Amino acid sequence: MEGNMTEATFDIMKGFVKCLASMEFNSVLIYALLMLAAVLICFEGFRLYKVALMMIGFAVGYSRVHLLISSFQLTDEQMLMMQTIAGLVCGVLAGAVVHLGIFIAAYHFAQANLSAIIVAMLAEKANVSPFLEPLFSRVAGVAVAALIAWLAVKSERLVVVILTAVIGGFAAVNFFFEMVPVFPVDISFFLRVPAVVIAGIKVALSAAGVGIQGVKNK
């Protein structure tokens, strides 16, 4: 009986490691914790800006390294260890060097949410050929995100408020919709919400975060 319990515990832990290493979360608890962290960053980002920047830095380092090593033949334990180390290094640097933390957070957000839109507009105006479009998109995307991040560093207090509110607001909504398929009760009707409504919710939550942080930190 004890052997069976030990084996079951081992299987649960192995599954948990695999889940974290592959970033394929299927636990409502994990999504709930991620949503809670995102909401905290959204509404308390400036008060806890070093912690917020560390959390964002950890997430960026963890996810970026996952993209880099996911194609290698590594065990789940090796992947998790490398991703965690990268996340911790990036998180500590982001918290210790505030300007670096702001740059990392702004760059990641700009690349994930703004670069594609701006690059598409630039490509259309520059009349880039289809042959060069993939290279142009990649280089221009990095350049646009880096420029936005550099500008963010120039206005520290205001940007910390806006950045943490927007990143937290967008992330909270994203985590909610990622949680919907694994929620114990059927709430799949949320997946039929129009994209424009989801974008509006993200903007509204982010704006509320900016307003509340602004009032609290006058």
Foldseek 3Di string as FASTA:
>chain_A
DVVVVVVVVVVVVLVVLLCLLLVVDQDLVVLVVQLVLLLCLQACCLVPVLQLLLQLQLVLQLVVVSVVCVPPPDRSVVSNVNSNVSSNVRSVCCSVPVLSSLLSLQLVCCLVPPLVVVLVVVCVVVVDDPVCSVVSSVVSSNVVSNVRSVVLSVDPNLSSQLSSNLRSLLSSLVSVLSNQVNDPDNPCVVVVPDPVVSVVSSVVSSVVSSVNNVVVPD
